[in-house]
PDB file of N, CA and C in Angstrom:
ATOM      1  N   UNK A   1     124.815  75.646 -81.562  1.00  0.00           N
ATOM      2  CA  UNK A   1     125.695  75.288 -80.671  1.00  0.00           C
ATOM      3  C   UNK A   1     126.855  74.047 -80.771  1.00  0.00           C
ATOM      4  N   UNK A   2     128.216  74.065 -80.778  1.00  0.00           N
ATOM      5  CA  UNK A   2     128.999  72.994 -80.932  1.00  0.00           C
ATOM      6  C   UNK A   2     129.756  72.714 -79.442  1.00  0.00           C
ATOM      7  N   UNK A   3     130.720  71.499 -79.755  1.00  0.00           N
ATOM      8  CA  UNK A   3     131.472  71.234 -78.655  1.00  0.00           C
ATOM      9  C   UNK A   3     133.026  71.769 -78.801  1.00  0.00           C
ATOM     10  N   UNK A   4     133.129  72.016 -77.415  1.00  0.00           N
ATOM     11  CA  UNK A   4     134.802  72.538 -77.326  1.00  0.00           C
ATOM     12  C   UNK A   4     135.730  71.634 -77.260  1.00  0.00           C
ATOM     13  N   UNK A   5     136.878  70.968 -77.685  1.00  0.00           N
ATOM     14  CA  UNK A   5     137.950  69.822 -77.119  1.00  0.00           C
ATOM     15  C   UNK A   5     139.066  70.528 -76.896  1.00  0.00           C
ATOM     16  N   UNK A   6     139.414  70.297 -75.630  1.00  0.00           N
ATOM     17  CA  UNK A   6     140.573  70.275 -75.310  1.00  0.00           C
ATOM     18  C   UNK A   6     141.570  69.374 -74.988  1.00  0.00           C
ATOM     19  N   UNK A   7     143.032  69.521 -75.451  1.00  0.00           N
ATOM     20  CA  UNK A   7     143.698  68.235 -75.532  1.00  0.00           C
ATOM     21  C   UNK A   7     145.276  68.298 -74.442  1.00  0.00           C
ATOM     22  N   UNK A   8     145.243  67.519 -73.525  1.00  0.00           N
ATOM     23  CA  UNK A   8     146.505  68.257 -72.730  1.00  0.00           C
ATOM     24  C   UNK A   8     147.548  66.441 -72.362  1.00  0.00           C
ATOM     25  N   UNK A   9     148.965  66.840 -73.005  1.00  0.00           N
ATOM     26  CA  UNK A   9     149.512  65.476 -73.222  1.00  0.00           C
ATOM     27  C   UNK A   9     149.836  65.175 -71.581  1.00  0.00           C
ATOM     28  N   UNK A  10     150.115  63.971 -71.520  1.00  0.00           N
ATOM     29  CA  UNK A  10     150.441  63.305 -70.516  1.00  0.00           C
ATOM     30  C   UNK A  10     152.187  62.930 -70.851  1.00  0.00           C
ATOM     31  N   UNK A  11     152.746  63.994 -69.930  1.00  0.00           N
ATOM     32  CA  UNK A  11     154.354  63.757 -70.451  1.00  0.00           C
ATOM     33  C   UNK A  11     155.347  62.875 -69.873  1.00  0.00           C
ATOM     34  N   UNK A  12     154.665  62.037 -69.118  1.00  0.00           N
ATOM     35  CA  UNK A  12     155.652  61.246 -68.064  1.00  0.00           C
ATOM     36  C   UNK A  12     154.789  60.296 -67.386  1.00  0.00           C
ATOM     37  N   UNK A  13     153.619  59.509 -68.161  1.00  0.00           N
ATOM     38  CA  UNK A  13     152.966  58.474 -67.425  1.00  0.00           C
ATOM     39  C   UNK A  13     153.397  57.119 -66.972  1.00  0.00           C
ATOM     40  N   UNK A  14     154.495  56.949 -67.192  1.00  0.00           N
ATOM     41  CA  UNK A  14     155.471  55.919 -66.541  1.00  0.00           C
ATOM     42  C   UNK A  14     155.951  56.086 -65.020  1.00  0.00           C
ATOM     43  N   UNK A  15     155.919  57.553 -64.420  1.00  0.00           N
ATOM     44  CA  UNK A  15     156.375  57.779 -63.303  1.00  0.00           C
ATOM     45  C   UNK A  15     155.163  57.713 -62.659  1.00  0.00           C
ATOM     46  N   UNK A  16     155.473  57.945 -60.866  1.00  0.00           N
ATOM     47  CA  UNK A  16     154.506  57.938 -59.926  1.00  0.00           C
ATOM     48  C   UNK A  16     154.055  59.537 -60.224  1.00  0.00           C
ATOM     49  N   UNK A  17     152.848  59.626 -60.077  1.00  0.00           N
ATOM     50  CA  UNK A  17     152.204  61.047 -60.149  1.00  0.00           C
ATOM     51  C   UNK A  17     150.810  61.232 -59.752  1.00  0.00           C
ATOM     52  N   UNK A  18     150.173  62.110 -60.116  1.00  0.00           N
ATOM     53  CA  UNK A  18     148.830  62.198 -59.843  1.00  0.00           C
ATOM     54  C   UNK A  18     148.033  60.892 -60.790  1.00  0.00           C
ATOM     55  N   UNK A  19     146.599  60.529 -60.236  1.00  0.00           N
ATOM     56  CA  UNK A  19     146.074  59.799 -60.704  1.00  0.00           C
ATOM     57  C   UNK A  19     145.396  60.242 -62.122  1.00  0.00           C
ATOM     58  N   UNK A  20     145.098  59.018 -62.849  1.00  0.00           N
ATOM     59  CA  UNK A  20     143.759  60.040 -64.130  1.00  0.00           C
ATOM     60  C   UNK A  20     142.799  61.095 -63.012  1.00  0.00           C
ATOM     61  N   UNK A  21     142.342  60.388 -62.742  1.00  0.00           N
ATOM     62  CA  UNK A  21     140.681  61.223 -62.415  1.00  0.00           C
ATOM     63  C   UNK A  21     141.730  62.380 -61.828  1.00  0.00           C
ATOM     64  N   UNK A  22     142.911  62.527 -61.134  1.00  0.00           N
ATOM     65  CA  UNK A  22     143.230  63.872 -60.498  1.00  0.00           C
ATOM     66  C   UNK A  22     143.743  64.789 -61.478  1.00  0.00           C
ATOM     67  N   UNK A  23     144.141  64.339 -63.058  1.00  0.00           N
ATOM     68  CA  UNK A  23     144.626  64.626 -63.912  1.00  0.00           C
ATOM     69  C   UNK A  23     143.563  65.360 -64.849  1.00  0.00           C
ATOM     70  N   UNK A  24     142.552  64.562 -64.930  1.00  0.00           N
ATOM     71  CA  UNK A  24     141.061  65.273 -65.462  1.00  0.00           C
ATOM     72  C   UNK A  24     140.913  66.314 -64.802  1.00  0.00           C
ATOM     73  N   UNK A  25     140.563  66.251 -63.548  1.00  0.00           N
ATOM     74  CA  UNK A  25     140.206  67.367 -62.626  1.00  0.00           C
ATOM     75  C   UNK A  25     141.037  68.533 -62.867  1.00  0.00           C
ATOM     76  N   UNK A  26     142.561  68.449 -63.141  1.00  0.00           N
ATOM     77  CA  UNK A  26     142.902  69.658 -63.208  1.00  0.00           C
ATOM     78  C   UNK A  26     142.987  70.165 -64.600  1.00  0.00           C
ATOM     79  N   UNK A  27     142.580  69.458 -65.742  1.00  0.00           N
ATOM     80  CA  UNK A  27     142.313  69.722 -67.118  1.00  0.00           C
ATOM     81  C   UNK A  27     140.982  70.524 -66.866  1.00  0.00           C
ATOM     82  N   UNK A  28     140.248  70.090 -66.001  1.00  0.00           N
ATOM     83  CA  UNK A  28     138.567  70.680 -65.985  1.00  0.00           C
ATOM     84  C   UNK A  28     138.847  72.621 -65.787  1.00  0.00           C
ATOM     85  N   UNK A  29     139.624  71.756 -64.165  1.00  0.00           N
ATOM     86  CA  UNK A  29     140.293  73.539 -63.903  1.00  0.00           C
ATOM     87  C   UNK A  29     140.278  74.519 -64.747  1.00  0.00           C
ATOM     88  N   UNK A  30     141.678  73.828 -65.773  1.00  0.00           N
ATOM     89  CA  UNK A  30     142.480  74.685 -66.621  1.00  0.00           C
ATOM     90  C   UNK A  30     141.201  75.048 -67.783  1.00  0.00           C
ATOM     91  N   UNK A  31     140.193  74.468 -67.694  1.00  0.00           N
ATOM     92  CA  UNK A  31     139.616  74.377 -69.440  1.00  0.00           C
ATOM     93  C   UNK A  31     138.982  75.752 -69.750  1.00  0.00           C
ATOM     94  N   UNK A  32     138.401  76.777 -68.550  1.00  0.00           N
ATOM     95  CA  UNK A  32     137.953  78.406 -68.950  1.00  0.00           C
ATOM     96  C   UNK A  32     139.353  78.780 -69.617  1.00  0.00           C
ATOM     97  N   UNK A  33     140.336  78.992 -68.870  1.00  0.00           N
ATOM     98  CA  UNK A  33     141.201  79.318 -69.804  1.00  0.00           C
ATOM     99  C   UNK A  33     142.033  78.940 -70.786  1.00  0.00           C
ATOM    100  N   UNK A  34     141.848  77.981 -70.889  1.00  0.00           N
ATOM    101  CA  UNK A  34     142.003  77.427 -72.742  1.00  0.00           C
ATOM    102  C   UNK A  34     140.943  77.713 -73.553  1.00  0.00           C
ATOM    103  N   UNK A  35     139.429  77.652 -73.141  1.00  0.00           N
ATOM    104  CA  UNK A  35     138.882  78.003 -74.291  1.00  0.00           C
ATOM    105  C   UNK A  35     139.054  79.737 -74.433  1.00  0.00           C
ATOM    106  N   UNK A  36     139.285  80.761 -73.559  1.00  0.00           N
ATOM    107  CA  UNK A  36     139.150  82.084 -73.731  1.00  0.00           C
ATOM    108  C   UNK A  36     140.676  82.547 -74.626  1.00  0.00           C
ATOM    109  N   UNK A  37     141.169  81.463 -74.827  1.00  0.00           N
ATOM    110  CA  UNK A  37     142.610  81.678 -75.553  1.00  0.00           C
ATOM    111  C   UNK A  37     142.081  81.136 -76.872  1.00  0.00           C
ATOM    112  N   UNK A  38     141.361  80.331 -77.079  1.00  0.00           N
ATOM    113  CA  UNK A  38     140.490  80.320 -78.476  1.00  0.00           C
ATOM    114  C   UNK A  38     139.296  80.717 -78.546  1.00  0.00           C
ATOM    115  N   UNK A  39     138.702  81.901 -77.858  1.00  0.00           N
ATOM    116  CA  UNK A  39     138.021  82.827 -78.097  1.00  0.00           C
ATOM    117  C   UNK A  39     136.561  82.109 -77.982  1.00  0.00           C
ATOM    118  N   UNK A  40     136.368  81.140 -77.128  1.00  0.00           N
ATOM    119  CA  UNK A  40     135.328  80.048 -76.887  1.00  0.00           C
ATOM    120  C   UNK A  40     134.827  80.405 -75.252  1.00  0.00           C
ATOM    121  N   UNK A  41     133.248  80.464 -74.987  1.00  0.00           N
ATOM    122  CA  UNK A  41     132.443  80.661 -74.080  1.00  0.00           C
ATOM    123  C   UNK A  41     132.322  79.157 -73.827  1.00  0.00           C
ATOM    124  N   UNK A  42     132.451  78.389 -72.913  1.00  0.00           N
ATOM    125  CA  UNK A  42     132.126  77.241 -72.415  1.00  0.00           C
ATOM    126  C   UNK A  42     130.668  77.634 -71.432  1.00  0.00           C
ATOM    127  N   UNK A  43     129.479  76.694 -72.168  1.00  0.00           N
ATOM    128  CA  UNK A  43     128.020  77.067 -72.112  1.00  0.00           C
ATOM    129  C   UNK A  43     127.220  75.973 -70.945  1.00  0.00           C
ATOM    130  N   UNK A  44     128.219  74.750 -70.496  1.00  0.00           N
ATOM    131  CA  UNK A  44     127.660  74.181 -69.915  1.00  0.00           C
ATOM    132  C   UNK A  44     128.500  72.874 -69.431  1.00  0.00           C
ATOM    133  N   UNK A  45     127.989  71.882 -68.978  1.00  0.00           N
ATOM    134  CA  UNK A  45     128.792  70.961 -68.248  1.00  0.00           C
ATOM    135  C   UNK A  45     130.005  70.305 -69.069  1.00  0.00           C
ATOM    136  N   UNK A  46     131.073  69.846 -68.593  1.00  0.00           N
ATOM    137  CA  UNK A  46     132.393  68.996 -69.515  1.00  0.00           C
ATOM    138  C   UNK A  46     132.361  67.611 -69.157  1.00  0.00           C
ATOM    139  N   UNK A  47     133.097  66.920 -69.613  1.00  0.00           N
ATOM    140  CA  UNK A  47     133.070  65.919 -69.365  1.00  0.00           C
ATOM    141  C   UNK A  47     134.647  65.672 -69.899  1.00  0.00           C
ATOM    142  N   UNK A  48     135.351  64.635 -68.891  1.00  0.00           N
ATOM    143  CA  UNK A  48     136.985  64.487 -69.239  1.00  0.00           C
ATOM    144  C   UNK A  48     137.066  62.934 -68.990  1.00  0.00           C
ATOM    145  N   UNK A  49     138.365  62.822 -70.156  1.00  0.00           N
ATOM    146  CA  UNK A  49     138.592  61.590 -69.977  1.00  0.00           C
ATOM    147  C   UNK A  49     140.396  61.263 -70.311  1.00  0.00           C
ATOM    148  N   UNK A  50     140.869  60.178 -70.246  1.00  0.00           N
ATOM    149  CA  UNK A  50     142.392  60.019 -70.608  1.00  0.00           C
ATOM    150  C   UNK A  50     142.398  58.613 -71.505  1.00  0.00           C
ATOM    151  N   UNK A  51     143.036  58.934 -72.342  1.00  0.00           N
ATOM    152  CA  UNK A  51     142.530  58.061 -73.270  1.00  0.00           C
ATOM    153  C   UNK A  51     144.126  57.864 -74.399  1.00  0.00           C
ATOM    154  N   UNK A  52     144.468  57.235 -75.265  1.00  0.00           N
ATOM    155  CA  UNK A  52     145.939  56.602 -75.984  1.00  0.00           C
ATOM    156  C   UNK A  52     145.660  58.053 -76.843  1.00  0.00           C
ATOM    157  N   UNK A  53     146.726  58.534 -77.024  1.00  0.00           N
ATOM    158  CA  UNK A  53     147.002  59.847 -77.953  1.00  0.00           C
ATOM    159  C   UNK A  53     146.546  59.244 -79.494  1.00  0.00           C
ATOM    160  N   UNK A  54     147.308  58.260 -79.316  1.00  0.00           N
ATOM    161  CA  UNK A  54     147.044  57.965 -81.236  1.00  0.00           C
ATOM    162  C   UNK A  54     145.692  58.101 -81.335  1.00  0.00           C
ATOM    163  N   UNK A  55     144.741  57.740 -80.481  1.00  0.00           N
ATOM    164  CA  UNK A  55     143.016  57.619 -80.666  1.00  0.00           C
ATOM    165  C   UNK A  55     142.548  59.540 -81.344  1.00  0.00           C
ATOM    166  N   UNK A  56     143.648  60.414 -80.889  1.00  0.00           N
ATOM    167  CA  UNK A  56     143.103  62.099 -80.606  1.00  0.00           C
ATOM    168  C   UNK A  56     143.873  62.370 -81.734  1.00  0.00           C
ATOM    169  N   UNK A  57     143.439  62.731 -82.618  1.00  0.00           N
ATOM    170  CA  UNK A  57     144.216  63.555 -83.810  1.00  0.00           C
ATOM    171  C   UNK A  57     144.671  64.259 -83.491  1.00  0.00           C
ATOM    172  N   UNK A  58     145.843  64.928 -83.903  1.00  0.00           N
ATOM    173  CA  UNK A  58     146.774  66.208 -83.434  1.00  0.00           C
ATOM    174  C   UNK A  58     147.484  66.217 -82.180  1.00  0.00           C
ATOM    175  N   UNK A  59     147.694  64.717 -81.598  1.00  0.00           N
ATOM    176  CA  UNK A  59     147.627  64.614 -80.193  1.00  0.00           C
ATOM    177  C   UNK A  59     149.399  64.869 -80.319  1.00  0.00           C
ATOM    178  N   UNK A  60     150.287  64.509 -81.182  1.00  0.00           N
ATOM    179  CA  UNK A  60     151.779  63.952 -80.990  1.00  0.00           C
ATOM    180  C   UNK A  60     152.129  63.093 -80.831  1.00  0.00           C
ATOM    181  N   UNK A  61     153.382  62.847 -80.462  1.00  0.00           N
ATOM    182  CA  UNK A  61     153.929  61.791 -79.989  1.00  0.00           C
ATOM    183  C   UNK A  61     153.865  61.444 -78.440  1.00  0.00           C
ATOM    184  N   UNK A  62     152.965  61.923 -77.945  1.00  0.00           N
ATOM    185  CA  UNK A  62     152.970  61.694 -76.401  1.00  0.00           C
ATOM    186  C   UNK A  62     152.197  60.100 -76.487  1.00  0.00           C
ATOM    187  N   UNK A  63     151.948  59.484 -75.236  1.00  0.00           N
ATOM    188  CA  UNK A  63     151.572  58.068 -75.114  1.00  0.00           C
ATOM    189  C   UNK A  63     150.273  58.279 -74.685  1.00  0.00           C
ATOM    190  N   UNK A  64     149.772  58.886 -73.927  1.00  0.00           N
ATOM    191  CA  UNK A  64     148.735  59.411 -73.223  1.00  0.00           C
ATOM    192  C   UNK A  64     148.000  60.670 -73.598  1.00  0.00           C
ATOM    193  N   UNK A  65     146.778  61.116 -73.322  1.00  0.00           N
ATOM    194  CA  UNK A  65     146.482  62.406 -73.200  1.00  0.00           C
ATOM    195  C   UNK A  65     145.021  62.221 -72.266  1.00  0.00           C
ATOM    196  N   UNK A  66     145.042  63.782 -71.867  1.00  0.00           N
ATOM    197  CA  UNK A  66     143.663  64.103 -71.079  1.00  0.00           C
ATOM    198  C   UNK A  66     143.025  65.267 -72.167  1.00  0.00           C
ATOM    199  N   UNK A  67     141.653  64.471 -72.332  1.00  0.00           N
ATOM    200  CA  UNK A  67     140.594  65.388 -73.139  1.00  0.00           C
ATOM    201  C   UNK A  67     139.654  65.585 -72.049  1.00  0.00           C
ATOM    202  N   UNK A  68     139.137  66.689 -72.466  1.00  0.00           N
ATOM    203  CA  UNK A  68     138.033  67.411 -71.902  1.00  0.00           C
ATOM    204  C   UNK A  68     137.395  68.069 -73.160  1.00  0.00           C
ATOM    205  N   UNK A  69     135.741  68.102 -72.770  1.00  0.00           N
ATOM    206  CA  UNK A  69     134.798  68.276 -73.978  1.00  0.00           C
ATOM    207  C   UNK A  69     133.839  69.162 -73.395  1.00  0.00           C
ATOM    208  N   UNK A  70     133.214  69.573 -74.019  1.00  0.00           N
ATOM    209  CA  UNK A  70     132.376  70.805 -73.328  1.00  0.00           C
ATOM    210  C   UNK A  70     131.287  71.537 -74.542  1.00  0.00           C
ATOM    211  N   UNK A  71     130.061  72.062 -74.231  1.00  0.00           N
ATOM    212  CA  UNK A  71     129.330  72.881 -75.445  1.00  0.00           C
ATOM    213  C   UNK A  71     129.828  74.415 -74.935  1.00  0.00           C
ATOM    214  N   UNK A  72     129.830  74.710 -76.188  1.00  0.00           N
ATOM    215  CA  UNK A  72     130.560  76.199 -76.405  1.00  0.00           C
ATOM    216  C   UNK A  72     129.748  76.967 -77.304  1.00  0.00           C
ATOM    217  N   UNK A  73     130.197  77.825 -77.703  1.00  0.00           N
ATOM    218  CA  UNK A  73     129.833  78.947 -78.661  1.00  0.00           C
ATOM    219  C   UNK A  73     130.985  79.867 -78.773  1.00  0.00           C
ATOM    220  N   UNK A  74     131.656  80.296 -79.983  1.00  0.00           N
ATOM    221  CA  UNK A  74     132.531  81.525 -80.421  1.00  0.00           C
ATOM    222  C   UNK A  74     131.941  82.675 -79.650  1.00  0.00           C
ATOM    223  N   UNK A  75     133.102  83.809 -78.997  1.00  0.00           N
ATOM    224  CA  UNK A  75     132.694  84.942 -79.003  1.00  0.00           C
ATOM    225  C   UNK A  75     132.740  85.723 -80.270  1.00  0.00           C
ATOM    226  N   UNK A  76     132.127  86.966 -80.159  1.00  0.00           N
ATOM    227  CA  UNK A  76     132.125  88.066 -81.422  1.00  0.00           C
ATOM    228  C   UNK A  76     133.733  88.378 -81.779  1.00  0.00           C
ATOM    229  N   UNK A  77     133.880  88.624 -82.455  1.00  0.00           N
ATOM    230  CA  UNK A  77     135.106  89.046 -82.877  1.00  0.00           C
ATOM    231  C   UNK A  77     135.834  90.631 -81.966  1.00  0.00           C
ATOM    232  N   UNK A  78     136.750  90.363 -81.606  1.00  0.00           N
ATOM    233  CA  UNK A  78     137.077  92.236 -81.127  1.00  0.00           C
ATOM    234  C   UNK A  78     137.128  92.981 -81.894  1.00  0.00           C
ATOM    235  N   UNK A  79     136.812  93.946 -81.863  1.00  0.00           N
ATOM    236  CA  UNK A  79     136.570  95.634 -82.521  1.00  0.00           C
ATOM    237  C   UNK A  79     138.111  95.881 -82.456  1.00  0.00           C
ATOM    238  N   UNK A  80     138.539  96.179 -83.319  1.00  0.00           N
ATOM    239  CA  UNK A  80     140.205  96.724 -83.282  1.00  0.00           C
ATOM    240  C   UNK A  80     140.181  97.925 -84.255  1.00  0.00           C
ATOM    241  N   UNK A  81     140.095  99.147 -83.462  1.00  0.00           N
ATOM    242  CA  UNK A  81     140.366 100.509 -84.012  1.00  0.00           C
ATOM    243  C   UNK A  81     141.845 101.437 -84.221  1.00  0.00           C
ATOM    244  N   UNK A  82     141.595 101.922 -85.059  1.00  0.00           N
ATOM    245  CA  UNK A  82     143.269 102.342 -85.756  1.00  0.00           C
ATOM    246  C   UNK A  82     143.946 103.573 -84.924  1.00  0.00           C
TER     247      UNK A  82
END
């Protein structure tokens, strides 16, 4: 088993808006959709947090990001028929 990690940039964290906890909860709700796009099945409880983007490789130039991690396994390849 491995850990799946998904990252969402916080694009305007200087403006008033959702709290960090609300952002984490929205990301957790979105996690199954993101995992499906990456051909992964979430197999256990997840944890989410907000951190500085520079601490997360590949986060780009945003100041902060929401990170959600969960145990997962890859789905088998899809058979393609001609």
